[in-house]
Amino acid sequence: MAIHYHCRHCGINIGSLDRLSVHSESLGLHKLTEEERQEMVSYAGNGDINIKTICEDCQEALERNPDFHQHDYLIH
């Protein structure tokens, strides 16, 4: 099982954790609401977990340009 982090705004691969046995509490997933979990976390058939998060570049862009929040996808 691997855990893959991708930016929800630009799609870039932020990083992966390979072959780990971890609990959702150590990842902070237990703090998500059910709606947030459905939106941000998906499970692949091979047992991998895909998590949508935000990369530093998109975070900076959103802080500088708050109107970007209306867009689902950013290109940088």
C-alpha atoms as a PDB file:
ATOM      1  CA  MET A   1       0.000   0.000   0.000  1.00  0.00           C
ATOM      2  CA  ALA A   2       1.217   3.502  -0.842  1.00  0.00           C
ATOM      3  CA  ILE A   3      -0.185   6.916  -0.051  1.00  0.00           C
ATOM      4  CA  HIS A   4      -0.010   9.475  -2.862  1.00  0.00           C
ATOM      5  CA  TYR A   5      -0.498  13.216  -2.385  1.00  0.00           C
ATOM      6  CA  HIS A   6      -1.592  15.347  -5.358  1.00  0.00           C
ATOM      7  CA  CYS A   7      -2.467  19.028  -5.547  1.00  0.00           C
ATOM      8  CA  ARG A   8      -6.203  19.480  -5.935  1.00  0.00           C
ATOM      9  CA  HIS A   9      -5.675  22.676  -7.966  1.00  0.00           C
ATOM     10  CA  CYS A  10      -2.890  21.891 -10.447  1.00  0.00           C
ATOM     11  CA  GLY A  11      -2.593  18.097 -10.253  1.00  0.00           C
ATOM     12  CA  ILE A  12       1.137  18.000  -9.467  1.00  0.00           C
ATOM     13  CA  ASN A  13       2.423  14.973  -7.543  1.00  0.00           C
ATOM     14  CA  ILE A  14       3.476  16.368  -4.163  1.00  0.00           C
ATOM     15  CA  GLY A  15       4.841  13.126  -2.797  1.00  0.00           C
ATOM     16  CA  SER A  16       4.240   9.516  -1.900  1.00  0.00           C
ATOM     17  CA  LEU A  17       4.720   7.287   1.095  1.00  0.00           C
ATOM     18  CA  ASP A  18       5.421   3.721   0.002  1.00  0.00           C
ATOM     19  CA  ARG A  19       4.671   0.471   1.747  1.00  0.00           C
ATOM     20  CA  LEU A  20       3.619   1.893   5.022  1.00  0.00           C
ATOM     21  CA  SER A  21       1.133   0.543   7.450  1.00  0.00           C
ATOM     22  CA  VAL A  22      -0.328   3.661   9.025  1.00  0.00           C
ATOM     23  CA  HIS A  23      -3.513   4.574  10.800  1.00  0.00           C
ATOM     24  CA  SER A  24      -5.728   7.404   9.605  1.00  0.00           C
ATOM     25  CA  GLU A  25      -5.090   9.170  12.923  1.00  0.00           C
ATOM     26  CA  SER A  26      -1.381   9.554  12.142  1.00  0.00           C
ATOM     27  CA  LEU A  27      -2.270  11.130   8.779  1.00  0.00           C
ATOM     28  CA  GLY A  28      -4.916  13.389  10.302  1.00  0.00           C
ATOM     29  CA  LEU A  29      -7.677  11.851   8.175  1.00  0.00           C
ATOM     30  CA  HIS A  30      -9.828  11.286  11.259  1.00  0.00           C
ATOM     31  CA  LYS A  31     -10.185  15.072  11.588  1.00  0.00           C
ATOM     32  CA  LEU A  32     -11.915  15.354   8.215  1.00  0.00           C
ATOM     33  CA  THR A  33     -15.679  15.484   7.988  1.00  0.00           C
ATOM     34  CA  GLU A  34     -17.345  12.781   5.921  1.00  0.00           C
ATOM     35  CA  GLU A  35     -17.869  15.291   3.106  1.00  0.00           C
ATOM     36  CA  GLU A  36     -14.204  16.374   3.180  1.00  0.00           C
ATOM     37  CA  ARG A  37     -13.062  12.759   3.221  1.00  0.00           C
ATOM     38  CA  GLN A  38     -15.195  11.902   0.174  1.00  0.00           C
ATOM     39  CA  GLU A  39     -13.829  14.944  -1.665  1.00  0.00           C
ATOM     40  CA  MET A  40     -10.166  14.530  -0.722  1.00  0.00           C
ATOM     41  CA  VAL A  41      -9.482  10.812  -0.240  1.00  0.00           C
ATOM     42  CA  SER A  42      -9.853   8.017  -2.771  1.00  0.00           C
ATOM     43  CA  TYR A  43      -8.800   4.395  -2.722  1.00  0.00           C
ATOM     44  CA  ALA A  44      -7.287   2.516  -5.661  1.00  0.00           C
ATOM     45  CA  GLY A  45      -7.997  -1.134  -6.366  1.00  0.00           C
ATOM     46  CA  ASN A  46      -4.456  -2.106  -5.377  1.00  0.00           C
ATOM     47  CA  GLY A  47      -4.885  -0.637  -1.877  1.00  0.00           C
ATOM     48  CA  ASP A  48      -3.175   2.687  -2.552  1.00  0.00           C
ATOM     49  CA  ILE A  49      -4.661   5.827  -1.037  1.00  0.00           C
ATOM     50  CA  ASN A  50      -4.813   9.039  -3.077  1.00  0.00           C
ATOM     51  CA  ILE A  51      -5.121  12.283  -1.143  1.00  0.00           C
ATOM     52  CA  LYS A  52      -5.920  15.644  -2.702  1.00  0.00           C
ATOM     53  CA  THR A  53      -4.172  18.495  -0.933  1.00  0.00           C
ATOM     54  CA  ILE A  54      -2.635  21.821  -2.016  1.00  0.00           C
ATOM     55  CA  CYS A  55       0.925  22.504  -3.159  1.00  0.00           C
ATOM     56  CA  GLU A  56       2.950  25.500  -2.008  1.00  0.00           C
ATOM     57  CA  ASP A  57       2.721  27.244  -5.389  1.00  0.00           C
ATOM     58  CA  CYS A  58      -1.071  27.062  -5.493  1.00  0.00           C
ATOM     59  CA  GLN A  59      -1.322  28.100  -1.844  1.00  0.00           C
ATOM     60  CA  GLU A  60       0.763  31.206  -2.587  1.00  0.00           C
ATOM     61  CA  ALA A  61      -1.296  31.978  -5.698  1.00  0.00           C
ATOM     62  CA  LEU A  62      -4.532  31.710  -3.720  1.00  0.00           C
ATOM     63  CA  GLU A  63      -3.192  33.949  -0.954  1.00  0.00           C
ATOM     64  CA  ARG A  64      -2.116  36.620  -3.464  1.00  0.00           C
ATOM     65  CA  ASN A  65      -5.291  36.306  -5.556  1.00  0.00           C
ATOM     66  CA  PRO A  66      -8.284  35.324  -3.407  1.00  0.00           C
ATOM     67  CA  ASP A  67     -10.571  35.426  -6.445  1.00  0.00           C
ATOM     68  CA  PHE A  68      -8.783  32.279  -7.701  1.00  0.00           C
ATOM     69  CA  HIS A  69     -10.822  30.289  -5.153  1.00  0.00           C
ATOM     70  CA  GLN A  70     -13.677  30.242  -7.664  1.00  0.00           C
ATOM     71  CA  HIS A  71     -11.595  28.075 -10.030  1.00  0.00           C
ATOM     72  CA  ASP A  72     -11.202  24.321  -9.579  1.00  0.00           C
ATOM     73  CA  TYR A  73      -7.916  24.132 -11.498  1.00  0.00           C
ATOM     74  CA  LEU A  74      -4.863  26.418 -11.549  1.00  0.00           C
ATOM     75  CA  ILE A  75      -1.973  26.340 -13.993  1.00  0.00           C
ATOM     76  CA  HIS A  76       1.451  27.478 -12.829  1.00  0.00           C
END
